[in-house]
């Protein structure tokens, strides 16, 4: 007896309702033409608010007389009086002199020490190179305030480690490192040197790794000594890195603020020997409430930095 197999049930037929299907939601697509500008918008907004606006406002303020406690309506135009006052202010010139001394005393040794150290690490240290380079680089990434407080403790007159060593070795009297005009400048310069020499070591080490080894091999075959290889191969190859490093040292050295401010407790030391130009600008604005003169001095400092940077570039980029 044959058994009838039931047919597979057919799919239910769609019920015609007369309604149109909902359109798919289109994804937002950014035109490639506008994508770079949209992605740069956060940076541009922050730059306009915290970069360009303060810059233009300080330029406007340089021609005004204003005490912020009186409000914005108290501004009045004084022309070039602020610039005239700055150029006739003996403390402004003294701050420039202090700044130049510190920039040279801390900047030149950075490169004279960093280049040999970088060459030694590049030639001799292979296994623990990253550890050694990291040790040199730590002061650069450490907080400036923490380093300045550390040096304040080291050079303290009463309980500083430096004076303790002087008393133990030579039985000498403690030196007032942070108050005497003849010692505050070398102390600040030593702090700046110790903080930035590691950055230059990393900079020159990176540049050394780009020099082809074939040049040194050919020089050794020709009988060149180690000093001759350093003079005729290493130094010319390091010229772009030296130009970059010295330029940064010039710009940074002329803008010193945190180190002298903390080491002198915001007073500049005896006879204002530790007062840099950036330090003096701060005091002119927030201690003496003369924002117009401070803005004028800041633009004069900008001109000094620009001229010295140009001179450094011209001097080091000669063939």
C-alpha atoms as a PDB file:
ATOM      1  CA  UNK A   1       0.000   0.000   0.000  1.00  0.00           C
ATOM      2  CA  UNK A   2       1.532   3.238  -1.085  1.00  0.00           C
ATOM      3  CA  UNK A   3       1.744   6.121   1.345  1.00  0.00           C
ATOM      4  CA  UNK A   4       1.390   9.613   0.121  1.00  0.00           C
ATOM      5  CA  UNK A   5       4.257  11.902   1.187  1.00  0.00           C
ATOM      6  CA  UNK A   6       2.998  15.352   2.067  1.00  0.00           C
ATOM      7  CA  UNK A   7       4.404  18.072  -0.138  1.00  0.00           C
ATOM      8  CA  UNK A   8       6.704  20.624   1.393  1.00  0.00           C
ATOM      9  CA  UNK A   9       4.810  23.543   2.644  1.00  0.00           C
ATOM     10  CA  UNK A  10       5.182  26.509   0.377  1.00  0.00           C
ATOM     11  CA  UNK A  11       6.551  29.801   1.704  1.00  0.00           C
ATOM     12  CA  UNK A  12       3.819  32.101   2.851  1.00  0.00           C
ATOM     13  CA  UNK A  13       2.901  34.539   0.178  1.00  0.00           C
ATOM     14  CA  UNK A  14       3.605  38.217   0.802  1.00  0.00           C
ATOM     15  CA  UNK A  15       0.570  40.170   1.634  1.00  0.00           C
ATOM     16  CA  UNK A  16       0.200  43.097  -0.660  1.00  0.00           C
ATOM     17  CA  UNK A  17      -0.398  46.020   1.594  1.00  0.00           C
ATOM     18  CA  UNK A  18       0.344  48.765  -0.907  1.00  0.00           C
ATOM     19  CA  UNK A  19       2.988  50.373   1.435  1.00  0.00           C
ATOM     20  CA  UNK A  20       6.403  51.241   0.008  1.00  0.00           C
ATOM     21  CA  UNK A  21       9.484  49.737   1.673  1.00  0.00           C
ATOM     22  CA  UNK A  22      11.427  52.136   3.927  1.00  0.00           C
ATOM     23  CA  UNK A  23      14.549  53.555   2.261  1.00  0.00           C
ATOM     24  CA  UNK A  24      17.879  52.574   3.713  1.00  0.00           C
ATOM     25  CA  UNK A  25      19.546  55.192   5.888  1.00  0.00           C
ATOM     26  CA  UNK A  26      22.497  56.625   4.039  1.00  0.00           C
ATOM     27  CA  UNK A  27      25.769  56.759   5.889  1.00  0.00           C
ATOM     28  CA  UNK A  28      27.446  60.115   6.298  1.00  0.00           C
ATOM     29  CA  UNK A  29      30.342  60.328   3.906  1.00  0.00           C
ATOM     30  CA  UNK A  30      32.946  63.048   4.217  1.00  0.00           C
ATOM     31  CA  UNK A  31      34.256  64.417   0.995  1.00  0.00           C
ATOM     32  CA  UNK A  32      37.995  63.775   0.562  1.00  0.00           C
ATOM     33  CA  UNK A  33      38.304  67.435  -0.288  1.00  0.00           C
ATOM     34  CA  UNK A  34      37.165  68.550   3.177  1.00  0.00           C
ATOM     35  CA  UNK A  35      38.459  65.641   5.264  1.00  0.00           C
ATOM     36  CA  UNK A  36      41.875  67.206   6.093  1.00  0.00           C
ATOM     37  CA  UNK A  37      40.263  70.432   7.258  1.00  0.00           C
ATOM     38  CA  UNK A  38      37.725  68.630   9.447  1.00  0.00           C
ATOM     39  CA  UNK A  39      40.433  66.485  11.040  1.00  0.00           C
ATOM     40  CA  UNK A  40      42.571  69.563  11.705  1.00  0.00           C
ATOM     41  CA  UNK A  41      39.679  71.504  13.229  1.00  0.00           C
ATOM     42  CA  UNK A  42      40.393  70.558  16.907  1.00  0.00           C
ATOM     43  CA  UNK A  43      44.012  71.662  16.586  1.00  0.00           C
ATOM     44  CA  UNK A  44      43.093  74.847  14.753  1.00  0.00           C
ATOM     45  CA  UNK A  45      40.511  75.799  17.391  1.00  0.00           C
ATOM     46  CA  UNK A  46      42.974  75.216  20.238  1.00  0.00           C
ATOM     47  CA  UNK A  47      45.703  77.105  18.372  1.00  0.00           C
ATOM     48  CA  UNK A  48      43.430  80.080  17.709  1.00  0.00           C
ATOM     49  CA  UNK A  49      42.284  80.255  21.341  1.00  0.00           C
ATOM     50  CA  UNK A  50      45.546  79.516  23.166  1.00  0.00           C
ATOM     51  CA  UNK A  51      48.142  80.471  20.532  1.00  0.00           C
ATOM     52  CA  UNK A  52      47.196  83.076  17.960  1.00  0.00           C
ATOM     53  CA  UNK A  53      44.831  85.131  20.116  1.00  0.00           C
ATOM     54  CA  UNK A  54      47.312  85.623  23.025  1.00  0.00           C
ATOM     55  CA  UNK A  55      50.031  86.454  20.479  1.00  0.00           C
ATOM     56  CA  UNK A  56      47.972  89.147  18.769  1.00  0.00           C
ATOM     57  CA  UNK A  57      46.635  90.442  22.074  1.00  0.00           C
ATOM     58  CA  UNK A  58      50.174  90.830  23.448  1.00  0.00           C
ATOM     59  CA  UNK A  59      51.137  92.793  20.315  1.00  0.00           C
ATOM     60  CA  UNK A  60      48.126  95.051  20.813  1.00  0.00           C
ATOM     61  CA  UNK A  61      48.921  95.342  24.511  1.00  0.00           C
ATOM     62  CA  UNK A  62      52.491  96.458  23.785  1.00  0.00           C
ATOM     63  CA  UNK A  63      51.075  99.792  22.611  1.00  0.00           C
ATOM     64  CA  UNK A  64      48.676 100.204  25.521  1.00  0.00           C
ATOM     65  CA  UNK A  65      48.898 101.180  29.156  1.00  0.00           C
ATOM     66  CA  UNK A  66      46.816  98.778  31.208  1.00  0.00           C
ATOM     67  CA  UNK A  67      46.453  97.493  34.724  1.00  0.00           C
ATOM     68  CA  UNK A  68      44.275  94.350  34.676  1.00  0.00           C
ATOM     69  CA  UNK A  69      42.696  95.178  38.030  1.00  0.00           C
ATOM     70  CA  UNK A  70      41.014  98.196  36.390  1.00  0.00           C
ATOM     71  CA  UNK A  71      39.293  96.165  33.668  1.00  0.00           C
ATOM     72  CA  UNK A  72      39.552  96.215  29.885  1.00  0.00           C
ATOM     73  CA  UNK A  73      37.939  99.641  29.643  1.00  0.00           C
ATOM     74  CA  UNK A  74      40.971 101.157  31.419  1.00  0.00           C
ATOM     75  CA  UNK A  75      43.290 100.568  28.435  1.00  0.00           C
ATOM     76  CA  UNK A  76      44.575 103.622  26.630  1.00  0.00           C
ATOM     77  CA  UNK A  77      46.931 103.947  23.707  1.00  0.00           C
ATOM     78  CA  UNK A  78      50.463 105.159  24.519  1.00  0.00           C
ATOM     79  CA  UNK A  79      52.254 104.513  21.232  1.00  0.00           C
ATOM     80  CA  UNK A  80      55.903 103.516  21.602  1.00  0.00           C
ATOM     81  CA  UNK A  81      56.215 104.537  25.240  1.00  0.00           C
ATOM     82  CA  UNK A  82      56.434 100.926  26.442  1.00  0.00           C
ATOM     83  CA  UNK A  83      59.247 100.151  24.009  1.00  0.00           C
ATOM     84  CA  UNK A  84      61.052 103.360  24.971  1.00  0.00           C
ATOM     85  CA  UNK A  85      60.720 102.489  28.639  1.00  0.00           C
ATOM     86  CA  UNK A  86      62.056  98.955  28.024  1.00  0.00           C
ATOM     87  CA  UNK A  87      65.080 100.205  26.074  1.00  0.00           C
ATOM     88  CA  UNK A  88      65.879 102.702  28.842  1.00  0.00           C
ATOM     89  CA  UNK A  89      65.305 100.264  31.701  1.00  0.00           C
ATOM     90  CA  UNK A  90      68.637  99.185  33.213  1.00  0.00           C
ATOM     91  CA  UNK A  91      67.088  96.062  34.728  1.00  0.00           C
ATOM     92  CA  UNK A  92      65.866  94.962  31.322  1.00  0.00           C
ATOM     93  CA  UNK A  93      69.401  95.196  29.947  1.00  0.00           C
ATOM     94  CA  UNK A  94      70.757  93.438  33.017  1.00  0.00           C
ATOM     95  CA  UNK A  95      68.263  90.620  32.498  1.00  0.00           C
ATOM     96  CA  UNK A  96      69.363  90.350  28.867  1.00  0.00           C
ATOM     97  CA  UNK A  97      72.987  90.185  30.007  1.00  0.00           C
ATOM     98  CA  UNK A  98      72.164  87.450  32.533  1.00  0.00           C
ATOM     99  CA  UNK A  99      70.200  85.541  29.911  1.00  0.00           C
ATOM    100  CA  UNK A 100      73.026  85.705  27.381  1.00  0.00           C
ATOM    101  CA  UNK A 101      75.553  84.534  29.973  1.00  0.00           C
ATOM    102  CA  UNK A 102      73.393  81.596  30.998  1.00  0.00           C
ATOM    103  CA  UNK A 103      72.597  80.669  27.384  1.00  0.00           C
ATOM    104  CA  UNK A 104      76.294  80.450  26.510  1.00  0.00           C
ATOM    105  CA  UNK A 105      77.447  78.859  29.767  1.00  0.00           C
ATOM    106  CA  UNK A 106      74.779  76.148  29.634  1.00  0.00           C
ATOM    107  CA  UNK A 107      74.346  75.745  25.863  1.00  0.00           C
ATOM    108  CA  UNK A 108      77.909  75.388  24.599  1.00  0.00           C
ATOM    109  CA  UNK A 109      78.925  72.626  27.076  1.00  0.00           C
ATOM    110  CA  UNK A 110      75.796  70.666  26.171  1.00  0.00           C
ATOM    111  CA  UNK A 111      77.080  70.038  22.653  1.00  0.00           C
ATOM    112  CA  UNK A 112      80.775  69.770  23.539  1.00  0.00           C
ATOM    113  CA  UNK A 113      79.895  66.966  25.966  1.00  0.00           C
ATOM    114  CA  UNK A 114      76.983  65.372  24.098  1.00  0.00           C
ATOM    115  CA  UNK A 115      78.881  64.693  20.843  1.00  0.00           C
ATOM    116  CA  UNK A 116      81.731  62.653  22.456  1.00  0.00           C
ATOM    117  CA  UNK A 117      79.268  60.767  24.644  1.00  0.00           C
ATOM    118  CA  UNK A 118      77.103  59.937  21.623  1.00  0.00           C
ATOM    119  CA  UNK A 119      80.173  58.779  19.663  1.00  0.00           C
ATOM    120  CA  UNK A 120      81.299  56.569  22.556  1.00  0.00           C
ATOM    121  CA  UNK A 121      77.857  54.991  22.951  1.00  0.00           C
ATOM    122  CA  UNK A 122      77.587  54.442  19.208  1.00  0.00           C
ATOM    123  CA  UNK A 123      81.016  52.809  18.912  1.00  0.00           C
ATOM    124  CA  UNK A 124      81.434  50.948  22.193  1.00  0.00           C
ATOM    125  CA  UNK A 125      78.083  50.141  23.768  1.00  0.00           C
ATOM    126  CA  UNK A 126      75.929  47.592  21.979  1.00  0.00           C
ATOM    127  CA  UNK A 127      74.184  45.355  24.470  1.00  0.00           C
ATOM    128  CA  UNK A 128      72.843  47.883  26.982  1.00  0.00           C
ATOM    129  CA  UNK A 129      72.629  50.858  24.642  1.00  0.00           C
ATOM    130  CA  UNK A 130      68.943  51.570  25.222  1.00  0.00           C
ATOM    131  CA  UNK A 131      69.430  51.464  28.990  1.00  0.00           C
ATOM    132  CA  UNK A 132      72.353  53.887  28.871  1.00  0.00           C
ATOM    133  CA  UNK A 133      70.574  56.270  26.496  1.00  0.00           C
ATOM    134  CA  UNK A 134      67.474  56.159  28.678  1.00  0.00           C
ATOM    135  CA  UNK A 135      69.530  57.080  31.744  1.00  0.00           C
ATOM    136  CA  UNK A 136      70.875  60.157  29.955  1.00  0.00           C
ATOM    137  CA  UNK A 137      67.405  61.092  28.706  1.00  0.00           C
ATOM    138  CA  UNK A 138      65.622  60.869  32.088  1.00  0.00           C
ATOM    139  CA  UNK A 139      66.456  64.450  33.240  1.00  0.00           C
ATOM    140  CA  UNK A 140      64.925  65.855  30.048  1.00  0.00           C
ATOM    141  CA  UNK A 141      61.541  64.238  30.631  1.00  0.00           C
ATOM    142  CA  UNK A 142      61.548  64.933  34.370  1.00  0.00           C
ATOM    143  CA  UNK A 143      59.541  67.869  35.657  1.00  0.00           C
ATOM    144  CA  UNK A 144      61.524  71.100  35.660  1.00  0.00           C
ATOM    145  CA  UNK A 145      60.080  72.007  39.041  1.00  0.00           C
ATOM    146  CA  UNK A 146      61.206  68.682  40.540  1.00  0.00           C
ATOM    147  CA  UNK A 147      64.732  69.122  39.153  1.00  0.00           C
ATOM    148  CA  UNK A 148      64.954  72.716  40.421  1.00  0.00           C
ATOM    149  CA  UNK A 149      63.814  71.652  43.887  1.00  0.00           C
ATOM    150  CA  UNK A 150      66.413  68.858  43.837  1.00  0.00           C
ATOM    151  CA  UNK A 151      69.180  71.329  42.972  1.00  0.00           C
ATOM    152  CA  UNK A 152      67.901  73.717  45.651  1.00  0.00           C
ATOM    153  CA  UNK A 153      68.418  70.959  48.193  1.00  0.00           C
ATOM    154  CA  UNK A 154      71.835  70.000  46.804  1.00  0.00           C
ATOM    155  CA  UNK A 155      73.159  73.565  46.891  1.00  0.00           C
ATOM    156  CA  UNK A 156      71.520  74.648  50.129  1.00  0.00           C
ATOM    157  CA  UNK A 157      73.818  76.610  52.422  1.00  0.00           C
ATOM    158  CA  UNK A 158      72.931  74.789  55.646  1.00  0.00           C
ATOM    159  CA  UNK A 159      72.110  71.191  54.737  1.00  0.00           C
ATOM    160  CA  UNK A 160      73.051  70.863  51.060  1.00  0.00           C
ATOM    161  CA  UNK A 161      75.051  67.863  49.924  1.00  0.00           C
ATOM    162  CA  UNK A 162      77.558  70.054  48.043  1.00  0.00           C
ATOM    163  CA  UNK A 163      78.466  72.079  51.131  1.00  0.00           C
ATOM    164  CA  UNK A 164      78.585  68.912  53.219  1.00  0.00           C
ATOM    165  CA  UNK A 165      81.155  67.496  50.814  1.00  0.00           C
ATOM    166  CA  UNK A 166      83.182  70.715  50.966  1.00  0.00           C
ATOM    167  CA  UNK A 167      83.247  70.593  54.755  1.00  0.00           C
ATOM    168  CA  UNK A 168      84.200  66.905  54.765  1.00  0.00           C
ATOM    169  CA  UNK A 169      86.982  67.120  52.174  1.00  0.00           C
ATOM    170  CA  UNK A 170      88.514  70.550  52.732  1.00  0.00           C
ATOM    171  CA  UNK A 171      87.038  71.624  56.072  1.00  0.00           C
ATOM    172  CA  UNK A 172      85.953  74.812  54.331  1.00  0.00           C
ATOM    173  CA  UNK A 173      83.166  77.213  55.079  1.00  0.00           C
ATOM    174  CA  UNK A 174      79.800  76.598  53.402  1.00  0.00           C
ATOM    175  CA  UNK A 175      79.191  78.549  50.204  1.00  0.00           C
ATOM    176  CA  UNK A 176      75.964  80.460  49.696  1.00  0.00           C
ATOM    177  CA  UNK A 177      75.439  79.129  46.182  1.00  0.00           C
ATOM    178  CA  UNK A 178      71.931  80.470  45.647  1.00  0.00           C
ATOM    179  CA  UNK A 179      72.351  84.041  46.856  1.00  0.00           C
ATOM    180  CA  UNK A 180      75.784  85.299  45.871  1.00  0.00           C
ATOM    181  CA  UNK A 181      76.017  86.905  42.406  1.00  0.00           C
ATOM    182  CA  UNK A 182      79.175  84.960  41.587  1.00  0.00           C
ATOM    183  CA  UNK A 183      77.667  81.525  42.317  1.00  0.00           C
ATOM    184  CA  UNK A 184      73.989  81.715  41.371  1.00  0.00           C
ATOM    185  CA  UNK A 185      74.715  81.911  37.638  1.00  0.00           C
ATOM    186  CA  UNK A 186      76.984  78.825  37.502  1.00  0.00           C
ATOM    187  CA  UNK A 187      74.411  76.920  39.578  1.00  0.00           C
ATOM    188  CA  UNK A 188      71.608  77.743  37.148  1.00  0.00           C
ATOM    189  CA  UNK A 189      73.851  76.953  34.165  1.00  0.00           C
ATOM    190  CA  UNK A 190      74.789  73.578  35.681  1.00  0.00           C
ATOM    191  CA  UNK A 191      71.114  72.731  36.188  1.00  0.00           C
ATOM    192  CA  UNK A 192      70.214  73.621  32.593  1.00  0.00           C
ATOM    193  CA  UNK A 193      73.236  71.724  31.259  1.00  0.00           C
ATOM    194  CA  UNK A 194      72.403  68.593  33.251  1.00  0.00           C
ATOM    195  CA  UNK A 195      68.771  68.711  32.137  1.00  0.00           C
ATOM    196  CA  UNK A 196      69.322  69.089  28.396  1.00  0.00           C
ATOM    197  CA  UNK A 197      72.574  67.251  27.696  1.00  0.00           C
ATOM    198  CA  UNK A 198      70.669  63.952  27.475  1.00  0.00           C
ATOM    199  CA  UNK A 199      68.419  65.297  24.742  1.00  0.00           C
ATOM    200  CA  UNK A 200      71.452  66.244  22.672  1.00  0.00           C
ATOM    201  CA  UNK A 201      73.039  62.841  23.270  1.00  0.00           C
ATOM    202  CA  UNK A 202      69.951  61.170  21.810  1.00  0.00           C
ATOM    203  CA  UNK A 203      69.895  63.658  18.925  1.00  0.00           C
ATOM    204  CA  UNK A 204      73.518  63.058  17.946  1.00  0.00           C
ATOM    205  CA  UNK A 205      73.270  59.319  18.475  1.00  0.00           C
ATOM    206  CA  UNK A 206      70.372  59.171  16.027  1.00  0.00           C
ATOM    207  CA  UNK A 207      72.407  61.194  13.522  1.00  0.00           C
ATOM    208  CA  UNK A 208      75.452  58.915  13.948  1.00  0.00           C
ATOM    209  CA  UNK A 209      73.370  55.879  13.060  1.00  0.00           C
ATOM    210  CA  UNK A 210      72.611  57.380   9.633  1.00  0.00           C
ATOM    211  CA  UNK A 211      76.296  57.651   8.626  1.00  0.00           C
ATOM    212  CA  UNK A 212      77.218  54.755   6.269  1.00  0.00           C
ATOM    213  CA  UNK A 213      79.781  52.392   7.762  1.00  0.00           C
ATOM    214  CA  UNK A 214      81.465  52.143   4.355  1.00  0.00           C
ATOM    215  CA  UNK A 215      82.890  55.633   4.835  1.00  0.00           C
ATOM    216  CA  UNK A 216      84.740  54.605   7.981  1.00  0.00           C
ATOM    217  CA  UNK A 217      85.889  51.358   6.390  1.00  0.00           C
ATOM    218  CA  UNK A 218      87.315  53.202   3.389  1.00  0.00           C
ATOM    219  CA  UNK A 219      89.023  55.708   5.690  1.00  0.00           C
ATOM    220  CA  UNK A 220      90.647  52.919   7.718  1.00  0.00           C
ATOM    221  CA  UNK A 221      91.902  51.265   4.548  1.00  0.00           C
ATOM    222  CA  UNK A 222      93.447  54.581   3.515  1.00  0.00           C
ATOM    223  CA  UNK A 223      95.207  54.778   6.878  1.00  0.00           C
ATOM    224  CA  UNK A 224      93.097  57.482   8.540  1.00  0.00           C
ATOM    225  CA  UNK A 225      93.427  57.694  12.297  1.00  0.00           C
ATOM    226  CA  UNK A 226      90.448  57.829  14.674  1.00  0.00           C
ATOM    227  CA  UNK A 227      90.774  61.608  15.063  1.00  0.00           C
ATOM    228  CA  UNK A 228      90.923  62.088  11.305  1.00  0.00           C
ATOM    229  CA  UNK A 229      87.799  59.956  10.848  1.00  0.00           C
ATOM    230  CA  UNK A 230      86.023  62.054  13.478  1.00  0.00           C
ATOM    231  CA  UNK A 231      87.135  65.329  11.888  1.00  0.00           C
ATOM    232  CA  UNK A 232      86.530  64.559   8.223  1.00  0.00           C
ATOM    233  CA  UNK A 233      83.606  62.104   8.394  1.00  0.00           C
ATOM    234  CA  UNK A 234      81.723  62.368  11.686  1.00  0.00           C
ATOM    235  CA  UNK A 235      81.603  66.127  12.189  1.00  0.00           C
ATOM    236  CA  UNK A 236      80.593  67.013   8.595  1.00  0.00           C
ATOM    237  CA  UNK A 237      77.902  64.331   8.705  1.00  0.00           C
ATOM    238  CA  UNK A 238      76.618  65.709  12.016  1.00  0.00           C
ATOM    239  CA  UNK A 239      76.300  69.273  10.713  1.00  0.00           C
ATOM    240  CA  UNK A 240      72.479  69.176  10.210  1.00  0.00           C
ATOM    241  CA  UNK A 241      72.007  67.716  13.692  1.00  0.00           C
ATOM    242  CA  UNK A 242      74.397  70.284  15.184  1.00  0.00           C
ATOM    243  CA  UNK A 243      72.489  73.090  13.464  1.00  0.00           C
ATOM    244  CA  UNK A 244      69.199  71.787  14.822  1.00  0.00           C
ATOM    245  CA  UNK A 245      70.539  71.224  18.343  1.00  0.00           C
ATOM    246  CA  UNK A 246      72.310  74.574  18.609  1.00  0.00           C
ATOM    247  CA  UNK A 247      69.228  76.387  17.305  1.00  0.00           C
ATOM    248  CA  UNK A 248      67.097  74.758  19.997  1.00  0.00           C
ATOM    249  CA  UNK A 249      69.714  75.663  22.611  1.00  0.00           C
ATOM    250  CA  UNK A 250      69.690  79.307  21.514  1.00  0.00           C
ATOM    251  CA  UNK A 251      65.909  79.538  21.583  1.00  0.00           C
ATOM    252  CA  UNK A 252      65.576  77.662  24.872  1.00  0.00           C
ATOM    253  CA  UNK A 253      68.479  79.445  26.526  1.00  0.00           C
ATOM    254  CA  UNK A 254      66.997  82.871  25.823  1.00  0.00           C
ATOM    255  CA  UNK A 255      63.656  81.795  27.316  1.00  0.00           C
ATOM    256  CA  UNK A 256      64.880  80.448  30.674  1.00  0.00           C
ATOM    257  CA  UNK A 257      62.302  80.944  33.375  1.00  0.00           C
ATOM    258  CA  UNK A 258      61.530  77.983  35.624  1.00  0.00           C
ATOM    259  CA  UNK A 259      65.079  77.198  36.710  1.00  0.00           C
ATOM    260  CA  UNK A 260      66.104  80.694  37.914  1.00  0.00           C
ATOM    261  CA  UNK A 261      62.635  81.384  39.292  1.00  0.00           C
ATOM    262  CA  UNK A 262      62.664  78.359  41.599  1.00  0.00           C
ATOM    263  CA  UNK A 263      66.343  78.484  42.569  1.00  0.00           C
ATOM    264  CA  UNK A 264      66.029  82.136  43.625  1.00  0.00           C
ATOM    265  CA  UNK A 265      62.578  81.742  45.236  1.00  0.00           C
ATOM    266  CA  UNK A 266      61.106  84.158  42.724  1.00  0.00           C
ATOM    267  CA  UNK A 267      63.398  87.007  43.777  1.00  0.00           C
ATOM    268  CA  UNK A 268      66.254  86.835  41.250  1.00  0.00           C
ATOM    269  CA  UNK A 269      69.006  86.350  43.794  1.00  0.00           C
ATOM    270  CA  UNK A 270      71.431  88.903  45.190  1.00  0.00           C
ATOM    271  CA  UNK A 271      71.860  91.920  42.891  1.00  0.00           C
ATOM    272  CA  UNK A 272      69.330  90.220  40.563  1.00  0.00           C
ATOM    273  CA  UNK A 273      72.161  88.066  39.189  1.00  0.00           C
ATOM    274  CA  UNK A 274      69.792  85.182  38.469  1.00  0.00           C
ATOM    275  CA  UNK A 275      67.024  87.219  36.841  1.00  0.00           C
ATOM    276  CA  UNK A 276      66.576  86.282  33.196  1.00  0.00           C
ATOM    277  CA  UNK A 277      64.542  88.274  30.686  1.00  0.00           C
ATOM    278  CA  UNK A 278      61.586  85.893  30.817  1.00  0.00           C
ATOM    279  CA  UNK A 279      61.755  86.106  34.609  1.00  0.00           C
ATOM    280  CA  UNK A 280      61.768  89.906  34.450  1.00  0.00           C
ATOM    281  CA  UNK A 281      58.768  89.904  32.097  1.00  0.00           C
ATOM    282  CA  UNK A 282      56.849  87.842  34.630  1.00  0.00           C
ATOM    283  CA  UNK A 283      57.707  90.224  37.450  1.00  0.00           C
ATOM    284  CA  UNK A 284      56.882  93.279  35.342  1.00  0.00           C
ATOM    285  CA  UNK A 285      53.427  91.886  34.580  1.00  0.00           C
ATOM    286  CA  UNK A 286      52.381  90.185  37.808  1.00  0.00           C
ATOM    287  CA  UNK A 287      54.433  91.987  40.468  1.00  0.00           C
ATOM    288  CA  UNK A 288      54.384  95.524  39.053  1.00  0.00           C
ATOM    289  CA  UNK A 289      51.047  95.199  37.149  1.00  0.00           C
ATOM    290  CA  UNK A 290      52.491  96.786  34.017  1.00  0.00           C
ATOM    291  CA  UNK A 291      51.295  94.454  31.283  1.00  0.00           C
ATOM    292  CA  UNK A 292      52.006  96.948  28.523  1.00  0.00           C
ATOM    293  CA  UNK A 293      55.715  97.187  29.346  1.00  0.00           C
ATOM    294  CA  UNK A 294      55.909  93.423  29.809  1.00  0.00           C
ATOM    295  CA  UNK A 295      54.386  92.862  26.368  1.00  0.00           C
ATOM    296  CA  UNK A 296      56.805  95.317  24.780  1.00  0.00           C
ATOM    297  CA  UNK A 297      59.744  93.556  26.428  1.00  0.00           C
ATOM    298  CA  UNK A 298      58.477  90.201  25.225  1.00  0.00           C
ATOM    299  CA  UNK A 299      58.470  91.432  21.613  1.00  0.00           C
ATOM    300  CA  UNK A 300      61.972  92.852  22.022  1.00  0.00           C
ATOM    301  CA  UNK A 301      63.054  89.449  23.331  1.00  0.00           C
ATOM    302  CA  UNK A 302      61.397  87.858  20.309  1.00  0.00           C
ATOM    303  CA  UNK A 303      63.498  90.058  18.018  1.00  0.00           C
ATOM    304  CA  UNK A 304      66.670  89.054  19.881  1.00  0.00           C
ATOM    305  CA  UNK A 305      65.785  85.357  19.577  1.00  0.00           C
ATOM    306  CA  UNK A 306      64.979  85.740  15.866  1.00  0.00           C
ATOM    307  CA  UNK A 307      68.226  87.573  15.094  1.00  0.00           C
ATOM    308  CA  UNK A 308      70.412  85.127  17.022  1.00  0.00           C
ATOM    309  CA  UNK A 309      68.626  82.153  15.483  1.00  0.00           C
ATOM    310  CA  UNK A 310      69.228  83.570  12.005  1.00  0.00           C
ATOM    311  CA  UNK A 311      72.882  84.261  12.836  1.00  0.00           C
ATOM    312  CA  UNK A 312      73.317  80.717  14.162  1.00  0.00           C
ATOM    313  CA  UNK A 313      71.795  79.267  11.010  1.00  0.00           C
ATOM    314  CA  UNK A 314      74.042  81.371   8.785  1.00  0.00           C
ATOM    315  CA  UNK A 315      77.147  80.480  10.764  1.00  0.00           C
ATOM    316  CA  UNK A 316      76.568  76.727  10.913  1.00  0.00           C
ATOM    317  CA  UNK A 317      75.114  76.231   7.430  1.00  0.00           C
ATOM    318  CA  UNK A 318      78.161  77.499   5.552  1.00  0.00           C
ATOM    319  CA  UNK A 319      79.717  75.021   3.173  1.00  0.00           C
END
